[in-house]
Amino acid sequence: MRLWTVPVVALVAVMVSMSDEPTERAMRAAFETKLASQVQNALDFVAETSGPEAVARVREAGTDRFAISGFKKLGCQRDERGGHVCRFSVDIAVIDGNLREELTGRFYMRDDGFAFTQDV
């Protein structure tokens, strides 16, 4: 029985490494990139509608800053449009406390790594 254990474990390891499902680390990086882009888009909108002084006030207040303090992959399923639809929990530290959310989104491969979108 032990004779079959090593080949089976090796086969499973190879199959997992060949999967195109995003790892927790890749999901976190894609989500963080998307969140940073959304914050920048909000700052661009403030600049366009209220001017650079308003952007300076936002930055002084620290409401443009965040840090992901926790991230856990909860599960993924292949999406027919490409990529995977995944559930995850995320803890985000912001100026006035912590936000904890459980989200679902689509992670898909681009040339520079995984990207995240919430249109599922």
N, C-alpha and C. Protein backbone atom coordinates (compact mmCIF):
# COMPACT_ATOMS: atom_id res chain seq x y z
N MET A 1 0.82 -1.19 0.00
CA MET A 1 0.00 0.00 0.00
C MET A 1 0.87 1.26 0.00
N ARG A 2 1.93 1.27 0.77
CA ARG A 2 2.81 2.43 0.82
C ARG A 2 3.51 2.66 -0.51
N LEU A 3 3.67 1.61 -1.27
CA LEU A 3 4.32 1.72 -2.56
C LEU A 3 3.55 2.66 -3.49
N TRP A 4 2.24 2.71 -3.39
CA TRP A 4 1.41 3.57 -4.23
C TRP A 4 1.25 4.97 -3.68
N THR A 5 1.53 5.17 -2.42
CA THR A 5 1.31 6.47 -1.78
C THR A 5 2.19 7.55 -2.39
N VAL A 6 3.46 7.29 -2.56
CA VAL A 6 4.38 8.29 -3.10
C VAL A 6 4.01 8.70 -4.52
N PRO A 7 3.75 7.78 -5.45
CA PRO A 7 3.37 8.21 -6.79
C PRO A 7 2.05 8.99 -6.82
N VAL A 8 1.09 8.60 -5.99
CA VAL A 8 -0.19 9.31 -5.97
C VAL A 8 0.00 10.72 -5.44
N VAL A 9 0.76 10.89 -4.38
CA VAL A 9 1.04 12.22 -3.83
C VAL A 9 1.77 13.07 -4.86
N ALA A 10 2.73 12.50 -5.55
CA ALA A 10 3.48 13.24 -6.58
C ALA A 10 2.55 13.65 -7.73
N LEU A 11 1.66 12.76 -8.14
CA LEU A 11 0.73 13.07 -9.22
C LEU A 11 -0.21 14.21 -8.82
N VAL A 12 -0.73 14.17 -7.62
CA VAL A 12 -1.61 15.23 -7.13
C VAL A 12 -0.86 16.55 -7.09
N ALA A 13 0.38 16.54 -6.62
CA ALA A 13 1.18 17.77 -6.56
C ALA A 13 1.41 18.36 -7.95
N VAL A 14 1.66 17.52 -8.92
CA VAL A 14 1.86 17.99 -10.30
C VAL A 14 0.57 18.55 -10.85
N MET A 15 -0.56 17.90 -10.60
CA MET A 15 -1.85 18.37 -11.11
C MET A 15 -2.21 19.72 -10.50
N VAL A 16 -1.95 19.90 -9.21
CA VAL A 16 -2.24 21.17 -8.55
C VAL A 16 -1.35 22.28 -9.11
N SER A 17 -0.08 21.98 -9.34
CA SER A 17 0.83 23.00 -9.85
C SER A 17 0.49 23.39 -11.29
N MET A 18 -0.18 22.52 -12.04
CA MET A 18 -0.53 22.81 -13.42
C MET A 18 -1.87 23.55 -13.53
N SER A 19 -2.59 23.66 -12.44
CA SER A 19 -3.90 24.32 -12.45
C SER A 19 -3.72 25.80 -12.77
N ASP A 20 -4.70 26.34 -13.53
CA ASP A 20 -4.65 27.76 -13.83
C ASP A 20 -5.50 28.56 -12.85
N GLU A 21 -5.98 27.91 -11.80
CA GLU A 21 -6.74 28.61 -10.76
C GLU A 21 -5.79 29.53 -9.99
N PRO A 22 -6.23 30.76 -9.70
CA PRO A 22 -5.33 31.68 -9.00
C PRO A 22 -5.06 31.24 -7.57
N THR A 23 -3.83 31.44 -7.14
CA THR A 23 -3.48 31.17 -5.76
C THR A 23 -4.01 32.31 -4.88
N GLU A 24 -4.01 32.09 -3.59
CA GLU A 24 -4.43 33.14 -2.66
C GLU A 24 -3.56 34.39 -2.81
N ARG A 25 -2.29 34.19 -2.98
CA ARG A 25 -1.35 35.31 -3.15
C ARG A 25 -1.65 36.09 -4.43
N ALA A 26 -1.93 35.38 -5.52
CA ALA A 26 -2.25 36.04 -6.79
C ALA A 26 -3.57 36.79 -6.69
N MET A 27 -4.54 36.20 -6.00
CA MET A 27 -5.83 36.86 -5.81
C MET A 27 -5.67 38.15 -5.00
N ARG A 28 -4.89 38.07 -3.94
CA ARG A 28 -4.68 39.25 -3.10
C ARG A 28 -4.01 40.37 -3.91
N ALA A 29 -3.01 40.03 -4.68
CA ALA A 29 -2.31 41.03 -5.49
C ALA A 29 -3.25 41.67 -6.51
N ALA A 30 -4.08 40.85 -7.17
CA ALA A 30 -5.02 41.38 -8.16
C ALA A 30 -6.06 42.27 -7.50
N PHE A 31 -6.57 41.86 -6.34
CA PHE A 31 -7.57 42.66 -5.63
C PHE A 31 -6.96 43.98 -5.16
N GLU A 32 -5.76 43.93 -4.63
CA GLU A 32 -5.09 45.15 -4.14
C GLU A 32 -4.82 46.12 -5.30
N THR A 33 -4.42 45.59 -6.44
CA THR A 33 -4.19 46.43 -7.62
C THR A 33 -5.49 47.11 -8.06
N LYS A 34 -6.58 46.35 -8.07
CA LYS A 34 -7.88 46.91 -8.46
C LYS A 34 -8.33 47.98 -7.47
N LEU A 35 -8.17 47.72 -6.18
CA LEU A 35 -8.57 48.69 -5.16
C LEU A 35 -7.76 49.98 -5.27
N ALA A 36 -6.46 49.86 -5.49
CA ALA A 36 -5.60 51.04 -5.67
C ALA A 36 -6.03 51.83 -6.90
N SER A 37 -6.41 51.14 -7.97
CA SER A 37 -6.88 51.80 -9.18
C SER A 37 -8.19 52.54 -8.92
N GLN A 38 -9.08 51.94 -8.14
CA GLN A 38 -10.34 52.60 -7.81
C GLN A 38 -10.12 53.85 -6.96
N VAL A 39 -9.18 53.78 -6.02
CA VAL A 39 -8.86 54.95 -5.20
C VAL A 39 -8.29 56.05 -6.09
N GLN A 40 -7.40 55.69 -7.00
CA GLN A 40 -6.83 56.69 -7.91
C GLN A 40 -7.90 57.31 -8.80
N ASN A 41 -8.83 56.49 -9.27
CA ASN A 41 -9.93 57.01 -10.08
C ASN A 41 -10.78 58.00 -9.29
N ALA A 42 -11.01 57.71 -8.03
CA ALA A 42 -11.77 58.64 -7.18
C ALA A 42 -11.01 59.95 -7.00
N LEU A 43 -9.70 59.87 -6.79
CA LEU A 43 -8.89 61.08 -6.65
C LEU A 43 -8.89 61.89 -7.96
N ASP A 44 -8.83 61.21 -9.08
CA ASP A 44 -8.89 61.89 -10.37
C ASP A 44 -10.22 62.62 -10.54
N PHE A 45 -11.30 61.98 -10.11
CA PHE A 45 -12.62 62.61 -10.19
C PHE A 45 -12.69 63.84 -9.29
N VAL A 46 -12.17 63.73 -8.08
CA VAL A 46 -12.15 64.87 -7.16
C VAL A 46 -11.35 66.02 -7.78
N ALA A 47 -10.21 65.70 -8.36
CA ALA A 47 -9.37 66.73 -8.99
C ALA A 47 -10.12 67.39 -10.14
N GLU A 48 -10.82 66.60 -10.93
CA GLU A 48 -11.53 67.14 -12.09
C GLU A 48 -12.72 68.00 -11.68
N THR A 49 -13.42 67.59 -10.62
CA THR A 49 -14.64 68.30 -10.25
C THR A 49 -14.42 69.40 -9.22
N SER A 50 -13.38 69.24 -8.37
CA SER A 50 -13.19 70.20 -7.28
C SER A 50 -11.81 70.83 -7.22
N GLY A 51 -10.90 70.34 -8.04
CA GLY A 51 -9.58 70.94 -8.11
C GLY A 51 -8.55 70.29 -7.22
N PRO A 52 -7.29 70.69 -7.41
CA PRO A 52 -6.18 70.09 -6.67
C PRO A 52 -6.24 70.34 -5.16
N GLU A 53 -6.86 71.45 -4.76
CA GLU A 53 -6.97 71.72 -3.32
C GLU A 53 -7.82 70.65 -2.63
N ALA A 54 -8.87 70.21 -3.31
CA ALA A 54 -9.73 69.16 -2.75
C ALA A 54 -8.96 67.84 -2.63
N VAL A 55 -8.14 67.54 -3.62
CA VAL A 55 -7.32 66.32 -3.55
C VAL A 55 -6.35 66.42 -2.38
N ALA A 56 -5.76 67.59 -2.19
CA ALA A 56 -4.85 67.79 -1.07
C ALA A 56 -5.56 67.56 0.26
N ARG A 57 -6.81 68.01 0.37
CA ARG A 57 -7.57 67.79 1.61
C ARG A 57 -7.85 66.30 1.84
N VAL A 58 -8.17 65.59 0.77
CA VAL A 58 -8.40 64.15 0.88
C VAL A 58 -7.12 63.46 1.36
N ARG A 59 -6.01 63.83 0.78
CA ARG A 59 -4.72 63.22 1.17
C ARG A 59 -4.34 63.58 2.61
N GLU A 60 -4.58 64.83 3.00
CA GLU A 60 -4.30 65.25 4.39
C GLU A 60 -5.14 64.46 5.38
N ALA A 61 -6.39 64.22 5.03
CA ALA A 61 -7.28 63.47 5.91
C ALA A 61 -6.93 61.99 5.95
N GLY A 62 -6.20 61.51 4.95
CA GLY A 62 -5.78 60.11 4.91
C GLY A 62 -6.85 59.17 4.40
N THR A 63 -7.92 59.73 3.84
CA THR A 63 -8.99 58.85 3.37
C THR A 63 -8.68 58.15 2.06
N ASP A 64 -7.53 58.44 1.49
CA ASP A 64 -7.10 57.73 0.28
C ASP A 64 -6.19 56.55 0.59
N ARG A 65 -5.87 56.35 1.86
CA ARG A 65 -4.94 55.29 2.24
C ARG A 65 -5.68 54.05 2.73
N PHE A 66 -5.10 52.89 2.42
CA PHE A 66 -5.64 51.62 2.88
C PHE A 66 -4.50 50.61 2.93
N ALA A 67 -4.71 49.56 3.68
CA ALA A 67 -3.76 48.44 3.72
C ALA A 67 -4.57 47.16 3.89
N ILE A 68 -4.24 46.17 3.11
CA ILE A 68 -4.90 44.88 3.27
C ILE A 68 -4.20 44.15 4.40
N SER A 69 -4.94 43.96 5.49
CA SER A 69 -4.34 43.34 6.67
C SER A 69 -4.67 41.85 6.77
N GLY A 70 -5.57 41.38 5.95
CA GLY A 70 -5.89 39.96 5.94
C GLY A 70 -6.59 39.60 4.64
N PHE A 71 -6.31 38.41 4.14
CA PHE A 71 -6.93 37.95 2.90
C PHE A 71 -6.99 36.43 2.95
N LYS A 72 -8.16 35.86 2.67
CA LYS A 72 -8.29 34.40 2.68
C LYS A 72 -9.15 33.96 1.50
N LYS A 73 -8.59 33.08 0.71
CA LYS A 73 -9.31 32.47 -0.42
C LYS A 73 -10.30 31.46 0.15
N LEU A 74 -11.57 31.57 -0.27
CA LEU A 74 -12.59 30.67 0.23
C LEU A 74 -13.00 29.61 -0.79
N GLY A 75 -12.74 29.84 -2.05
CA GLY A 75 -13.04 28.84 -3.07
C GLY A 75 -13.20 29.48 -4.44
N CYS A 76 -12.97 28.67 -5.47
CA CYS A 76 -13.05 29.16 -6.85
C CYS A 76 -13.74 28.12 -7.73
N GLN A 77 -14.38 28.64 -8.78
CA GLN A 77 -14.95 27.78 -9.82
C GLN A 77 -14.59 28.39 -11.16
N ARG A 78 -14.32 27.55 -12.13
CA ARG A 78 -13.99 28.02 -13.48
C ARG A 78 -15.19 28.79 -14.03
N ASP A 79 -14.90 29.90 -14.71
CA ASP A 79 -15.94 30.74 -15.31
C ASP A 79 -15.96 30.52 -16.81
N GLU A 80 -17.13 30.38 -17.40
CA GLU A 80 -17.23 30.13 -18.84
C GLU A 80 -16.71 31.30 -19.67
N ARG A 81 -16.65 32.52 -19.10
CA ARG A 81 -16.10 33.67 -19.82
C ARG A 81 -14.58 33.72 -19.76
N GLY A 82 -14.00 32.82 -19.02
CA GLY A 82 -12.55 32.79 -18.84
C GLY A 82 -12.21 33.12 -17.40
N GLY A 83 -11.17 32.55 -16.91
CA GLY A 83 -10.76 32.79 -15.54
C GLY A 83 -11.58 31.98 -14.55
N HIS A 84 -11.63 32.48 -13.32
CA HIS A 84 -12.33 31.80 -12.24
C HIS A 84 -13.15 32.79 -11.44
N VAL A 85 -14.32 32.36 -10.99
CA VAL A 85 -15.11 33.14 -10.05
C VAL A 85 -14.75 32.61 -8.67
N CYS A 86 -14.27 33.52 -7.82
CA CYS A 86 -13.76 33.11 -6.51
C CYS A 86 -14.41 33.91 -5.39
N ARG A 87 -14.60 33.24 -4.27
CA ARG A 87 -15.04 33.89 -3.04
C ARG A 87 -13.81 34.08 -2.16
N PHE A 88 -13.78 35.20 -1.45
CA PHE A 88 -12.67 35.46 -0.54
C PHE A 88 -13.12 36.42 0.55
N SER A 89 -12.41 36.38 1.66
CA SER A 89 -12.64 37.36 2.72
C SER A 89 -11.42 38.27 2.76
N VAL A 90 -11.68 39.53 3.06
CA VAL A 90 -10.59 40.51 3.08
C VAL A 90 -10.78 41.46 4.25
N ASP A 91 -9.70 41.78 4.91
CA ASP A 91 -9.67 42.79 5.96
C ASP A 91 -8.87 43.97 5.42
N ILE A 92 -9.49 45.15 5.44
CA ILE A 92 -8.84 46.34 4.92
C ILE A 92 -8.76 47.38 6.02
N ALA A 93 -7.53 47.78 6.35
CA ALA A 93 -7.33 48.84 7.35
C ALA A 93 -7.43 50.18 6.64
N VAL A 94 -8.33 51.02 7.14
CA VAL A 94 -8.49 52.37 6.62
C VAL A 94 -8.31 53.35 7.77
N ILE A 95 -8.34 54.63 7.48
CA ILE A 95 -8.01 55.66 8.46
C ILE A 95 -8.87 55.57 9.72
N ASP A 96 -10.12 55.18 9.59
CA ASP A 96 -11.00 55.17 10.76
C ASP A 96 -11.37 53.77 11.25
N GLY A 97 -10.56 52.78 10.93
CA GLY A 97 -10.80 51.44 11.45
C GLY A 97 -10.53 50.37 10.42
N ASN A 98 -11.17 49.23 10.63
CA ASN A 98 -11.00 48.08 9.74
C ASN A 98 -12.31 47.71 9.08
N LEU A 99 -12.22 47.34 7.83
CA LEU A 99 -13.36 46.82 7.10
C LEU A 99 -13.13 45.34 6.87
N ARG A 100 -14.13 44.54 7.15
CA ARG A 100 -14.04 43.10 6.86
C ARG A 100 -15.19 42.76 5.94
N GLU A 101 -14.86 42.19 4.79
CA GLU A 101 -15.86 41.86 3.79
C GLU A 101 -15.62 40.46 3.25
N GLU A 102 -16.70 39.82 2.85
CA GLU A 102 -16.62 38.58 2.08
C GLU A 102 -17.14 38.92 0.70
N LEU A 103 -16.32 38.73 -0.32
CA LEU A 103 -16.63 39.15 -1.67
C LEU A 103 -16.53 38.00 -2.65
N THR A 104 -17.16 38.19 -3.79
CA THR A 104 -17.04 37.26 -4.91
C THR A 104 -16.65 38.08 -6.13
N GLY A 105 -15.71 37.58 -6.89
CA GLY A 105 -15.29 38.28 -8.09
C GLY A 105 -14.65 37.32 -9.08
N ARG A 106 -14.37 37.85 -10.25
CA ARG A 106 -13.75 37.04 -11.30
C ARG A 106 -12.28 37.41 -11.41
N PHE A 107 -11.44 36.40 -11.39
CA PHE A 107 -10.00 36.55 -11.56
C PHE A 107 -9.63 35.93 -12.89
N TYR A 108 -8.96 36.69 -13.72
CA TYR A 108 -8.57 36.18 -15.05
C TYR A 108 -7.13 36.60 -15.34
N MET A 109 -6.48 35.80 -16.16
CA MET A 109 -5.06 36.00 -16.47
C MET A 109 -4.89 37.05 -17.56
N ARG A 110 -3.94 37.95 -17.31
CA ARG A 110 -3.50 38.90 -18.32
C ARG A 110 -2.00 38.69 -18.50
N ASP A 111 -1.39 39.45 -19.38
CA ASP A 111 0.05 39.29 -19.62
C ASP A 111 0.87 39.56 -18.36
N ASP A 112 0.40 40.48 -17.52
CA ASP A 112 1.16 40.87 -16.33
C ASP A 112 0.69 40.16 -15.05
N GLY A 113 -0.13 39.12 -15.17
CA GLY A 113 -0.61 38.40 -14.01
C GLY A 113 -2.13 38.42 -13.94
N PHE A 114 -2.67 38.02 -12.80
CA PHE A 114 -4.11 37.97 -12.66
C PHE A 114 -4.69 39.36 -12.47
N ALA A 115 -5.91 39.54 -12.97
CA ALA A 115 -6.67 40.76 -12.78
C ALA A 115 -7.97 40.38 -12.07
N PHE A 116 -8.58 41.36 -11.42
CA PHE A 116 -9.81 41.13 -10.65
C PHE A 116 -10.91 42.05 -11.14
N THR A 117 -12.11 41.50 -11.23
CA THR A 117 -13.29 42.31 -11.53
C THR A 117 -14.47 41.74 -10.73
N GLN A 118 -15.36 42.61 -10.36
CA GLN A 118 -16.52 42.15 -9.59
C GLN A 118 -17.72 41.83 -10.47
N ASP A 119 -17.59 41.96 -11.78
CA ASP A 119 -18.73 41.66 -12.66
C ASP A 119 -18.83 40.16 -12.88
N VAL A 120 -19.57 39.52 -12.01
CA VAL A 120 -19.75 38.05 -12.11
C VAL A 120 -21.19 37.73 -12.45
